[in-house]
Amino acid sequence: MFTGKGNTINNLKHLSPKQALECCNNGAIIIDVREEFMSHVKTFDVPEIKVFPLKKMSELVGKLPKDKFLIFADATGVKSKPAMEFASKNGYAQIANLAGGLLEWERDGLPTITYQKIKVSGRNKCEFLHKESLK
């Protein structure tokens, strides 16, 4: 599925958002490695997505399907790369990184789902704004 797509750097595949969406529409799964609360704010609108935060990857890597094509993703493509490298070292072969993450995904006009908005009130402090607060 990833053959002929994206760029390969150090034996790891990096897909553009449009290539990743095409793969998702053909059965690949997005593995969102952002903090779990971020996936409750905005996420990729694809047929299948699993949330496995990077900081818990060592606990969760055995729970990822080895028989599926997996695309590791985050907000910018920075944290998904080490997650993909970790998966590669643990026997996952059909893997790729979403270059540019959700940021590039949105810039390309690809589908997202927005559940809630958050208000950042300082370093590491945020709160969810309820829909009635958004008016």
C-alpha atoms as a PDB file:
ATOM      1  CA  MET A   1       0.000   0.000   0.000  1.00  0.00           C
ATOM      2  CA  PHE A   2       2.872   2.409   0.755  1.00  0.00           C
ATOM      3  CA  THR A   3       4.916   1.339  -2.290  1.00  0.00           C
ATOM      4  CA  GLY A   4       5.662   4.281  -4.578  1.00  0.00           C
ATOM      5  CA  LYS A   5       4.325   6.816  -2.077  1.00  0.00           C
ATOM      6  CA  GLY A   6       6.109   9.377   0.080  1.00  0.00           C
ATOM      7  CA  ASN A   7       9.775   9.605   0.908  1.00  0.00           C
ATOM      8  CA  THR A   8      11.936   6.976   2.575  1.00  0.00           C
ATOM      9  CA  ILE A   9      14.499   8.310   5.046  1.00  0.00           C
ATOM     10  CA  ASN A  10      16.680   5.870   7.041  1.00  0.00           C
ATOM     11  CA  ASN A  11      14.429   2.999   5.884  1.00  0.00           C
ATOM     12  CA  LEU A  12      11.311   4.719   7.295  1.00  0.00           C
ATOM     13  CA  LYS A  13       8.445   5.883   5.069  1.00  0.00           C
ATOM     14  CA  HIS A  14       7.069   9.448   5.374  1.00  0.00           C
ATOM     15  CA  LEU A  15       3.750  10.194   3.643  1.00  0.00           C
ATOM     16  CA  SER A  16       2.184  13.503   2.669  1.00  0.00           C
ATOM     17  CA  PRO A  17      -1.279  14.126   4.132  1.00  0.00           C
ATOM     18  CA  LYS A  18      -2.981  13.421   0.793  1.00  0.00           C
ATOM     19  CA  GLN A  19      -1.088  10.143   0.407  1.00  0.00           C
ATOM     20  CA  ALA A  20      -1.976   9.197   3.991  1.00  0.00           C
ATOM     21  CA  LEU A  21      -5.671   9.904   3.393  1.00  0.00           C
ATOM     22  CA  GLU A  22      -5.601   7.740   0.261  1.00  0.00           C
ATOM     23  CA  CYS A  23      -4.039   4.919   2.283  1.00  0.00           C
ATOM     24  CA  CYS A  24      -6.605   5.350   5.087  1.00  0.00           C
ATOM     25  CA  ASN A  25      -9.409   5.108   2.552  1.00  0.00           C
ATOM     26  CA  ASN A  26      -7.850   1.806   1.451  1.00  0.00           C
ATOM     27  CA  GLY A  27      -7.590   0.272   4.939  1.00  0.00           C
ATOM     28  CA  ALA A  28      -4.600   1.868   6.689  1.00  0.00           C
ATOM     29  CA  ILE A  29      -5.072   2.943  10.305  1.00  0.00           C
ATOM     30  CA  ILE A  30      -3.961   6.285  11.753  1.00  0.00           C
ATOM     31  CA  ILE A  31      -2.133   5.845  15.069  1.00  0.00           C
ATOM     32  CA  ASP A  32      -2.508   9.201  16.834  1.00  0.00           C
ATOM     33  CA  VAL A  33       0.378   9.579  19.304  1.00  0.00           C
ATOM     34  CA  ARG A  34      -0.735  12.930  20.738  1.00  0.00           C
ATOM     35  CA  GLU A  35      -1.821  13.215  24.353  1.00  0.00           C
ATOM     36  CA  GLU A  36      -5.232  11.624  24.693  1.00  0.00           C
ATOM     37  CA  PHE A  37      -7.041  14.862  25.555  1.00  0.00           C
ATOM     38  CA  MET A  38      -5.877  16.410  22.270  1.00  0.00           C
ATOM     39  CA  SER A  39      -7.696  13.747  20.284  1.00  0.00           C
ATOM     40  CA  HIS A  40     -10.867  14.859  22.092  1.00  0.00           C
ATOM     41  CA  VAL A  41     -10.416  18.374  20.704  1.00  0.00           C
ATOM     42  CA  LYS A  42      -9.703  17.767  17.025  1.00  0.00           C
ATOM     43  CA  THR A  43      -8.812  14.648  15.105  1.00  0.00           C
ATOM     44  CA  PHE A  44      -8.449  13.149  11.643  1.00  0.00           C
ATOM     45  CA  ASP A  45     -11.717  12.227   9.929  1.00  0.00           C
ATOM     46  CA  VAL A  46     -10.686   8.826   8.577  1.00  0.00           C
ATOM     47  CA  PRO A  47     -12.332   5.384   8.590  1.00  0.00           C
ATOM     48  CA  GLU A  48     -10.146   4.048  11.432  1.00  0.00           C
ATOM     49  CA  ILE A  49      -7.999   5.760  14.036  1.00  0.00           C
ATOM     50  CA  LYS A  50      -6.441   4.581  17.288  1.00  0.00           C
ATOM     51  CA  VAL A  51      -5.050   6.812  20.020  1.00  0.00           C
ATOM     52  CA  PHE A  52      -1.761   5.565  21.510  1.00  0.00           C
ATOM     53  CA  PRO A  53       0.029   8.469  23.264  1.00  0.00           C
ATOM     54  CA  LEU A  54       3.788   8.506  22.683  1.00  0.00           C
ATOM     55  CA  LYS A  55       4.577   8.424  26.408  1.00  0.00           C
ATOM     56  CA  LYS A  56       2.650   5.124  26.700  1.00  0.00           C
ATOM     57  CA  MET A  57       3.955   3.575  23.474  1.00  0.00           C
ATOM     58  CA  SER A  58       6.127   1.003  25.264  1.00  0.00           C
ATOM     59  CA  GLU A  59       3.041  -0.312  27.107  1.00  0.00           C
ATOM     60  CA  LEU A  60       0.794  -0.267  24.067  1.00  0.00           C
ATOM     61  CA  VAL A  61       2.969  -1.325  21.137  1.00  0.00           C
ATOM     62  CA  GLY A  62       1.975  -4.995  21.472  1.00  0.00           C
ATOM     63  CA  LYS A  63      -1.685  -3.974  21.134  1.00  0.00           C
ATOM     64  CA  LEU A  64      -1.212  -2.511  17.659  1.00  0.00           C
ATOM     65  CA  PRO A  65      -2.240  -4.821  14.801  1.00  0.00           C
ATOM     66  CA  LYS A  66       0.775  -6.201  12.940  1.00  0.00           C
ATOM     67  CA  ASP A  67      -1.309  -7.279   9.963  1.00  0.00           C
ATOM     68  CA  LYS A  68      -2.487  -3.738   9.076  1.00  0.00           C
ATOM     69  CA  PHE A  69      -0.801  -0.736   7.502  1.00  0.00           C
ATOM     70  CA  LEU A  70      -0.204   1.842  10.243  1.00  0.00           C
ATOM     71  CA  ILE A  71       0.357   5.579   9.806  1.00  0.00           C
ATOM     72  CA  PHE A  72       1.768   7.296  12.884  1.00  0.00           C
ATOM     73  CA  ALA A  73       0.551  10.852  13.326  1.00  0.00           C
ATOM     74  CA  ASP A  74       0.636  13.764  15.753  1.00  0.00           C
ATOM     75  CA  ALA A  75       0.187  17.530  15.571  1.00  0.00           C
ATOM     76  CA  THR A  76       3.311  18.327  13.523  1.00  0.00           C
ATOM     77  CA  GLY A  77       5.024  15.052  12.577  1.00  0.00           C
ATOM     78  CA  VAL A  78       7.726  15.405  15.243  1.00  0.00           C
ATOM     79  CA  LYS A  79       6.523  12.977  17.941  1.00  0.00           C
ATOM     80  CA  SER A  80       5.119  10.463  15.479  1.00  0.00           C
ATOM     81  CA  LYS A  81       8.582   9.777  14.062  1.00  0.00           C
ATOM     82  CA  PRO A  82      10.028   8.295  17.302  1.00  0.00           C
ATOM     83  CA  ALA A  83       6.795   6.312  17.777  1.00  0.00           C
ATOM     84  CA  MET A  84       7.221   4.861  14.293  1.00  0.00           C
ATOM     85  CA  GLU A  85      10.891   4.094  14.997  1.00  0.00           C
ATOM     86  CA  PHE A  86       9.893   2.331  18.237  1.00  0.00           C
ATOM     87  CA  ALA A  87       7.269   0.275  16.389  1.00  0.00           C
ATOM     88  CA  SER A  88       9.805  -0.624  13.695  1.00  0.00           C
ATOM     89  CA  LYS A  89      12.246  -1.899  16.343  1.00  0.00           C
ATOM     90  CA  ASN A  90       9.428  -3.999  17.806  1.00  0.00           C
ATOM     91  CA  GLY A  91       8.586  -5.931  14.658  1.00  0.00           C
ATOM     92  CA  TYR A  92       6.114  -3.687  12.845  1.00  0.00           C
ATOM     93  CA  ALA A  93       6.947  -3.530   9.141  1.00  0.00           C
ATOM     94  CA  GLN A  94       3.938  -1.934   7.424  1.00  0.00           C
ATOM     95  CA  ILE A  95       4.347   1.513   8.959  1.00  0.00           C
ATOM     96  CA  ALA A  96       4.699   5.136   7.869  1.00  0.00           C
ATOM     97  CA  ASN A  97       4.848   8.605   9.382  1.00  0.00           C
ATOM     98  CA  LEU A  98       2.420  11.395   8.508  1.00  0.00           C
ATOM     99  CA  ALA A  99       4.784  14.199   7.483  1.00  0.00           C
ATOM    100  CA  GLY A 100       3.632  17.489   8.994  1.00  0.00           C
ATOM    101  CA  GLY A 101       0.980  15.873  11.162  1.00  0.00           C
ATOM    102  CA  LEU A 102      -2.471  17.327  11.734  1.00  0.00           C
ATOM    103  CA  LEU A 103      -1.168  20.819  10.950  1.00  0.00           C
ATOM    104  CA  GLU A 104      -0.289  19.913   7.347  1.00  0.00           C
ATOM    105  CA  TRP A 105      -3.389  17.731   7.098  1.00  0.00           C
ATOM    106  CA  GLU A 106      -5.532  20.803   7.809  1.00  0.00           C
ATOM    107  CA  ARG A 107      -3.467  23.046   5.513  1.00  0.00           C
ATOM    108  CA  ASP A 108      -4.213  20.610   2.693  1.00  0.00           C
ATOM    109  CA  GLY A 109      -7.928  20.969   3.435  1.00  0.00           C
ATOM    110  CA  LEU A 110      -8.342  17.327   4.437  1.00  0.00           C
ATOM    111  CA  PRO A 111     -11.222  16.223   6.675  1.00  0.00           C
ATOM    112  CA  THR A 112     -11.058  16.692  10.434  1.00  0.00           C
ATOM    113  CA  ILE A 113     -13.518  16.365  13.273  1.00  0.00           C
ATOM    114  CA  THR A 114     -13.630  19.092  15.910  1.00  0.00           C
ATOM    115  CA  TYR A 115     -15.229  17.947  19.148  1.00  0.00           C
ATOM    116  CA  GLN A 116     -14.397  20.775  21.574  1.00  0.00           C
ATOM    117  CA  LYS A 117     -12.238  23.838  21.762  1.00  0.00           C
ATOM    118  CA  ILE A 118      -9.755  24.435  24.546  1.00  0.00           C
ATOM    119  CA  LYS A 119      -8.574  27.595  26.242  1.00  0.00           C
ATOM    120  CA  VAL A 120      -4.895  27.655  27.160  1.00  0.00           C
ATOM    121  CA  SER A 121      -4.446  29.725  30.292  1.00  0.00           C
ATOM    122  CA  GLY A 122      -0.748  29.196  30.971  1.00  0.00           C
ATOM    123  CA  ARG A 123       2.031  26.664  30.698  1.00  0.00           C
ATOM    124  CA  ASN A 124       0.468  23.189  30.743  1.00  0.00           C
ATOM    125  CA  LYS A 125      -2.896  24.587  31.852  1.00  0.00           C
ATOM    126  CA  CYS A 126      -5.913  24.278  29.644  1.00  0.00           C
ATOM    127  CA  GLU A 127      -9.635  23.835  29.935  1.00  0.00           C
ATOM    128  CA  PHE A 128     -12.291  22.584  27.567  1.00  0.00           C
ATOM    129  CA  LEU A 129     -14.843  25.149  26.451  1.00  0.00           C
ATOM    130  CA  HIS A 130     -18.344  23.755  26.233  1.00  0.00           C
ATOM    131  CA  LYS A 131     -20.321  24.389  23.084  1.00  0.00           C
ATOM    132  CA  GLU A 132     -22.489  27.015  24.781  1.00  0.00           C
ATOM    133  CA  SER A 133     -19.280  28.915  25.689  1.00  0.00           C
ATOM    134  CA  LEU A 134     -18.254  29.150  22.042  1.00  0.00           C
ATOM    135  CA  LYS A 135     -21.060  31.515  20.963  1.00  0.00           C
END
